[in-house]
């Protein structure tokens, strides 16, 4: 059973993908220590092989060891990048299942979080990372909705979003389902592997960064042809940051045009520009928990994975 992460708990900080910036990492570690947490630093924080934070074997073994270690209460990633898909077959999901712990991160960490949910049914939190938000001066909004969830002892957590000025409601309604999602390109890459969860009956959430609209189109086409959009109860589209095309022949097609192609007439609730994604201002999204989305009340209510 997962436990709320109170001050005094021990956090393992790891880099399962790209190496972190040393200065931002130091600032992020100091941030966690100042809040009263004990820190164990993974070898991956200083290791390097090619463009990864160490070899596939090192990064996979580190995850296995930290999940198995009874002294470790949670794992928070330093940053994302690319590389976790390479070693999913090296993870010991039996160890992970027997030693449930919260894993925090986003971007490429989506791959790990989806795999852990699929293989071990352990929720994780798509939220701020040590050498990114925590190491750059975490914004109050991000900080509030991260710690309020990870320290929560109530049965659920409800977030009222601004559907007048920030979030757009494309399709109205109320829906319930298990929250599944993360970075769109990572979700697309996971399709066809044994590590992709079934999204039937789920509330799917997606975001991405630095992808031209035609690439977003490609990922969405893949998900549609795989039937994912026919199975879900609602869709939350987060921030699609720097998703523009400088090629003159394609520059007139924006990210909103692509998203509307797929979801403007969806038969379930759809909200757009939800405050989640690669931006510094983000609502942490728990993966694998039951949730309810209401466009009438402009609320997302998520089950607390730490509630017994």
Protein backbone atom coordinates (compact mmCIF):
# COMPACT_ATOMS: atom_id res chain seq x y z
CA UNK A 1 0.00 0.00 0.00
CA UNK A 2 1.26 3.47 -0.86
CA UNK A 3 1.80 5.91 1.99
CA UNK A 4 1.57 9.72 1.97
CA UNK A 5 5.02 11.26 1.63
CA UNK A 6 5.46 13.19 4.86
CA UNK A 7 8.62 15.11 5.90
CA UNK A 8 11.15 12.67 7.27
CA UNK A 9 10.48 10.14 4.53
CA UNK A 10 13.31 8.95 2.31
CA UNK A 11 13.23 9.83 -1.38
CA UNK A 12 15.45 8.18 -3.98
CA UNK A 13 16.31 10.65 -6.75
CA UNK A 14 17.09 9.00 -10.08
CA UNK A 15 17.69 9.82 -13.74
CA UNK A 16 16.13 7.01 -15.80
CA UNK A 17 16.60 8.82 -19.12
CA UNK A 18 18.94 11.76 -19.84
CA UNK A 19 21.54 13.12 -17.37
CA UNK A 20 20.38 16.11 -15.31
CA UNK A 21 21.96 19.56 -15.25
CA UNK A 22 24.31 19.50 -12.24
CA UNK A 23 23.41 22.97 -10.95
CA UNK A 24 19.66 22.47 -11.21
CA UNK A 25 19.99 19.04 -9.64
CA UNK A 26 21.84 20.51 -6.66
CA UNK A 27 19.15 23.16 -6.23
CA UNK A 28 16.38 20.57 -6.48
CA UNK A 29 18.02 18.28 -3.94
CA UNK A 30 18.41 21.25 -1.58
CA UNK A 31 14.73 22.08 -2.04
CA UNK A 32 13.68 18.58 -0.95
CA UNK A 33 16.12 18.54 1.98
CA UNK A 34 14.88 21.93 3.17
CA UNK A 35 11.37 20.47 3.30
CA UNK A 36 12.60 17.80 5.68
CA UNK A 37 13.09 14.81 3.39
CA UNK A 38 16.00 12.40 3.48
CA UNK A 39 17.59 11.92 0.07
CA UNK A 40 19.32 8.94 -1.51
CA UNK A 41 21.06 9.85 -4.75
CA UNK A 42 21.08 7.27 -7.52
CA UNK A 43 24.22 6.45 -9.50
CA UNK A 44 22.36 7.55 -12.61
CA UNK A 45 22.56 11.18 -11.47
CA UNK A 46 26.24 11.30 -12.37
CA UNK A 47 26.62 8.37 -14.78
CA UNK A 48 26.73 8.79 -18.54
CA UNK A 49 26.72 6.48 -21.53
CA UNK A 50 26.08 7.91 -24.99
CA UNK A 51 23.36 10.48 -24.27
CA UNK A 52 21.86 8.49 -21.39
CA UNK A 53 22.34 8.76 -17.63
CA UNK A 54 24.27 5.50 -17.63
CA UNK A 55 23.73 2.20 -19.39
CA UNK A 56 20.34 0.55 -19.76
CA UNK A 57 21.44 -2.08 -17.24
CA UNK A 58 22.54 0.53 -14.68
CA UNK A 59 19.31 2.49 -14.90
CA UNK A 60 17.08 -0.59 -14.78
CA UNK A 61 19.04 -2.13 -11.90
CA UNK A 62 18.79 1.13 -9.96
CA UNK A 63 15.02 1.13 -10.26
CA UNK A 64 14.80 -2.50 -9.20
CA UNK A 65 17.07 -1.91 -6.18
CA UNK A 66 15.28 1.20 -4.98
CA UNK A 67 11.87 -0.45 -5.23
CA UNK A 68 13.21 -3.45 -3.30
CA UNK A 69 14.86 -1.29 -0.60
CA UNK A 70 12.53 -1.00 2.43
CA UNK A 71 14.29 2.23 3.46
CA UNK A 72 13.10 4.04 0.33
CA UNK A 73 9.62 5.57 0.52
CA UNK A 74 9.34 7.16 -2.95
CA UNK A 75 11.25 7.73 -6.18
CA UNK A 76 11.35 11.14 -7.85
CA UNK A 77 13.02 11.54 -11.22
CA UNK A 78 15.55 14.28 -11.88
CA UNK A 79 14.47 14.85 -15.48
CA UNK A 80 13.07 13.13 -18.57
CA UNK A 81 14.49 13.02 -22.09
CA UNK A 82 14.58 9.63 -23.78
CA UNK A 83 15.67 6.12 -22.89
CA UNK A 84 13.27 4.40 -20.49
CA UNK A 85 11.55 2.39 -23.23
CA UNK A 86 14.90 0.71 -23.91
CA UNK A 87 15.02 -1.15 -20.59
CA UNK A 88 11.42 -2.03 -19.67
CA UNK A 89 12.25 -5.68 -20.26
CA UNK A 90 14.98 -5.43 -17.61
CA UNK A 91 12.63 -4.31 -14.84
CA UNK A 92 11.58 -6.81 -12.18
CA UNK A 93 7.86 -6.15 -11.93
CA UNK A 94 7.44 -8.82 -9.25
CA UNK A 95 9.73 -6.80 -6.98
CA UNK A 96 7.88 -3.62 -7.87
CA UNK A 97 4.52 -5.28 -7.17
CA UNK A 98 5.66 -6.51 -3.75
CA UNK A 99 7.16 -3.12 -2.82
CA UNK A 100 4.70 -0.44 -3.97
CA UNK A 101 6.14 3.08 -4.01
CA UNK A 102 5.14 6.30 -5.70
CA UNK A 103 7.17 7.24 -8.79
CA UNK A 104 7.12 10.92 -9.76
CA UNK A 105 8.05 12.39 -13.14
CA UNK A 106 6.70 13.19 -16.59
CA UNK A 107 7.83 13.37 -20.23
CA UNK A 108 9.83 10.19 -20.95
CA UNK A 109 8.94 8.96 -17.45
CA UNK A 110 5.43 8.40 -18.86
CA UNK A 111 6.86 5.17 -20.29
CA UNK A 112 7.82 3.85 -16.86
CA UNK A 113 4.58 4.96 -15.25
CA UNK A 114 2.39 3.26 -17.84
CA UNK A 115 4.48 0.08 -17.63
CA UNK A 116 4.30 -0.01 -13.83
CA UNK A 117 0.54 0.44 -13.92
CA UNK A 118 0.13 -2.24 -16.59
CA UNK A 119 2.39 -4.81 -14.91
CA UNK A 120 1.95 -4.05 -11.19
CA UNK A 121 -1.20 -1.89 -10.90
CA UNK A 122 0.68 0.70 -8.84
CA UNK A 123 -0.35 4.33 -9.36
CA UNK A 124 2.26 7.01 -10.00
CA UNK A 125 2.25 10.78 -10.22
CA UNK A 126 2.95 12.70 -13.42
CA UNK A 127 4.40 15.73 -11.72
CA UNK A 128 7.42 18.00 -11.10
CA UNK A 129 10.98 16.72 -11.31
CA UNK A 130 14.01 17.47 -9.17
CA UNK A 131 16.33 19.04 -11.76
CA UNK A 132 13.52 20.79 -13.63
CA UNK A 133 10.76 22.48 -11.61
CA UNK A 134 12.28 21.88 -8.17
CA UNK A 135 15.67 23.02 -9.41
CA UNK A 136 14.42 26.15 -11.15
CA UNK A 137 12.23 27.78 -8.55
CA UNK A 138 9.01 25.76 -8.48
CA UNK A 139 5.89 27.85 -9.11
CA UNK A 140 3.36 28.11 -6.26
CA UNK A 141 0.58 26.54 -8.39
CA UNK A 142 2.75 23.53 -9.24
CA UNK A 143 4.03 23.22 -5.70
CA UNK A 144 0.57 23.43 -4.16
CA UNK A 145 -1.05 20.75 -6.29
CA UNK A 146 1.94 18.43 -6.01
CA UNK A 147 2.42 18.39 -2.25
CA UNK A 148 -1.31 18.59 -1.51
CA UNK A 149 -1.75 15.33 -3.40
CA UNK A 150 1.38 13.46 -2.34
CA UNK A 151 0.74 14.27 1.33
CA UNK A 152 -3.03 13.82 1.11
CA UNK A 153 -4.80 11.67 3.71
CA UNK A 154 -8.35 12.25 2.44
CA UNK A 155 -10.15 9.89 0.06
CA UNK A 156 -9.87 12.19 -2.95
CA UNK A 157 -8.50 15.47 -4.26
CA UNK A 158 -10.62 17.91 -6.24
CA UNK A 159 -9.28 20.60 -8.55
CA UNK A 160 -11.47 23.39 -9.93
CA UNK A 161 -9.99 24.65 -13.17
CA UNK A 162 -10.69 27.91 -14.96
CA UNK A 163 -12.95 27.04 -17.90
CA UNK A 164 -13.62 30.68 -18.72
CA UNK A 165 -10.12 32.08 -19.39
CA UNK A 166 -7.72 29.12 -19.45
CA UNK A 167 -9.28 25.73 -20.19
CA UNK A 168 -11.50 25.35 -23.27
CA UNK A 169 -14.46 23.00 -23.16
CA UNK A 170 -14.94 21.45 -26.60
CA UNK A 171 -17.43 18.78 -25.58
CA UNK A 172 -19.48 19.11 -22.42
CA UNK A 173 -20.41 16.42 -19.96
CA UNK A 174 -19.51 14.43 -16.89
CA UNK A 175 -17.43 11.27 -17.05
CA UNK A 176 -15.79 8.79 -14.74
CA UNK A 177 -12.89 6.46 -15.39
CA UNK A 178 -9.34 5.57 -14.55
CA UNK A 179 -6.81 8.32 -15.36
CA UNK A 180 -4.36 7.04 -17.97
CA UNK A 181 -1.98 9.10 -20.08
CA UNK A 182 1.01 11.39 -20.16
CA UNK A 183 3.26 12.58 -22.97
CA UNK A 184 1.56 11.83 -26.30
CA UNK A 185 4.66 10.70 -28.18
CA UNK A 186 5.56 8.30 -25.36
CA UNK A 187 2.05 6.84 -25.32
CA UNK A 188 2.24 6.31 -29.08
CA UNK A 189 5.64 4.60 -28.82
CA UNK A 190 4.28 2.23 -26.14
CA UNK A 191 1.47 0.89 -28.33
CA UNK A 192 2.01 -2.71 -29.38
CA UNK A 193 4.29 -3.49 -26.44
CA UNK A 194 3.29 -5.60 -23.43
CA UNK A 195 3.74 -2.48 -21.28
CA UNK A 196 0.79 -0.45 -22.60
CA UNK A 197 -2.29 -0.41 -20.35
CA UNK A 198 -5.78 -1.00 -21.70
CA UNK A 199 -7.49 2.41 -21.86
CA UNK A 200 -11.04 1.01 -22.04
CA UNK A 201 -13.29 3.05 -19.76
CA UNK A 202 -10.54 5.49 -18.86
CA UNK A 203 -10.18 9.26 -18.85
CA UNK A 204 -7.23 9.76 -21.18
CA UNK A 205 -4.91 12.75 -20.75
CA UNK A 206 -2.28 13.85 -23.27
CA UNK A 207 0.31 16.61 -23.77
CA UNK A 208 3.57 17.13 -25.64
CA UNK A 209 6.37 19.56 -26.36
CA UNK A 210 8.49 20.56 -29.34
CA UNK A 211 6.60 18.47 -31.90
CA UNK A 212 5.42 20.03 -35.15
CA UNK A 213 1.68 19.78 -35.78
CA UNK A 214 2.14 17.14 -38.50
CA UNK A 215 3.98 14.94 -36.00
CA UNK A 216 1.20 15.40 -33.45
CA UNK A 217 -1.17 14.43 -36.26
CA UNK A 218 0.90 11.28 -36.87
CA UNK A 219 0.76 10.23 -33.20
CA UNK A 220 -2.97 10.88 -32.97
CA UNK A 221 -3.63 8.95 -36.17
CA UNK A 222 -1.76 6.01 -34.70
CA UNK A 223 -3.83 6.11 -31.51
CA UNK A 224 -7.07 6.44 -33.48
CA UNK A 225 -6.25 3.56 -35.82
CA UNK A 226 -5.41 1.46 -32.77
CA UNK A 227 -8.91 2.17 -31.47
CA UNK A 228 -7.92 4.03 -28.31
CA UNK A 229 -10.25 6.96 -28.86
CA UNK A 230 -13.24 4.61 -29.21
CA UNK A 231 -12.71 3.16 -25.74
CA UNK A 232 -12.32 6.19 -23.46
CA UNK A 233 -14.95 8.07 -21.42
CA UNK A 234 -13.34 11.53 -21.61
CA UNK A 235 -10.26 13.31 -22.92
CA UNK A 236 -8.07 15.90 -21.21
CA UNK A 237 -5.70 17.69 -23.57
CA UNK A 238 -2.97 19.53 -21.69
CA UNK A 239 -0.40 21.98 -22.95
CA UNK A 240 1.19 21.47 -26.36
CA UNK A 241 4.22 23.71 -25.97
CA UNK A 242 6.39 24.86 -28.89
CA UNK A 243 4.37 22.69 -31.25
CA UNK A 244 4.74 24.92 -34.31
CA UNK A 245 6.11 24.40 -37.81
CA UNK A 246 8.44 26.87 -39.49
CA UNK A 247 8.21 25.18 -42.89
CA UNK A 248 6.31 27.68 -45.10
CA UNK A 249 4.31 24.92 -46.76
CA UNK A 250 2.92 23.78 -43.38
CA UNK A 251 3.07 26.92 -41.24
CA UNK A 252 -0.61 27.74 -41.71
CA UNK A 253 -1.68 24.57 -39.88
CA UNK A 254 -1.50 25.01 -36.13
CA UNK A 255 -1.72 22.54 -33.28
CA UNK A 256 -5.31 23.56 -32.57
CA UNK A 257 -6.29 22.73 -36.16
CA UNK A 258 -4.91 19.23 -35.74
CA UNK A 259 -6.55 18.63 -32.37
CA UNK A 260 -9.92 19.86 -33.66
CA UNK A 261 -9.69 17.42 -36.56
CA UNK A 262 -9.71 14.56 -34.10
CA UNK A 263 -11.76 15.73 -31.14
CA UNK A 264 -14.08 18.66 -31.96
CA UNK A 265 -16.97 16.23 -32.48
CA UNK A 266 -15.99 13.55 -29.97
CA UNK A 267 -18.90 11.70 -28.29
CA UNK A 268 -17.49 12.29 -24.79
CA UNK A 269 -16.31 15.27 -22.72
CA UNK A 270 -13.20 16.99 -24.11
CA UNK A 271 -11.28 19.81 -22.46
CA UNK A 272 -8.27 21.57 -23.97
CA UNK A 273 -5.33 23.55 -22.55
CA UNK A 274 -5.66 21.95 -19.14
CA UNK A 275 -2.74 23.12 -16.93
CA UNK A 276 -0.65 19.98 -17.30
CA UNK A 277 2.38 19.26 -19.43
CA UNK A 278 5.98 20.35 -19.95
CA UNK A 279 5.34 23.90 -18.75
CA UNK A 280 6.50 25.04 -15.34
CA UNK A 281 2.90 25.60 -14.23
CA UNK A 282 1.30 22.18 -13.95
CA UNK A 283 -1.31 20.22 -12.07
CA UNK A 284 0.14 16.85 -11.08
CA UNK A 285 -1.84 14.00 -12.66
CA UNK A 286 -2.03 10.64 -10.86
CA UNK A 287 -1.82 7.72 -13.30
CA UNK A 288 -4.00 4.69 -12.58
CA UNK A 289 -6.49 6.18 -10.12
CA UNK A 290 -10.24 6.57 -10.57
CA UNK A 291 -11.34 10.10 -11.44
CA UNK A 292 -14.34 12.19 -12.40
CA UNK A 293 -14.33 15.06 -14.89
CA UNK A 294 -17.19 17.56 -14.90
CA UNK A 295 -17.32 20.37 -17.45
CA UNK A 296 -20.42 21.80 -15.74
CA UNK A 297 -18.57 22.33 -12.46
CA UNK A 298 -15.16 22.71 -14.13
CA UNK A 299 -13.68 20.13 -11.77
CA UNK A 300 -11.39 17.14 -11.93
CA UNK A 301 -11.65 14.94 -8.85
CA UNK A 302 -9.05 12.21 -8.44
CA UNK A 303 -8.95 9.26 -6.09
CA UNK A 304 -6.15 9.45 -3.53
CA UNK A 305 -3.72 6.56 -4.15
CA UNK A 306 -2.51 6.87 -0.54
CA UNK A 307 -5.95 6.48 1.05
CA UNK A 308 -6.39 3.13 2.80
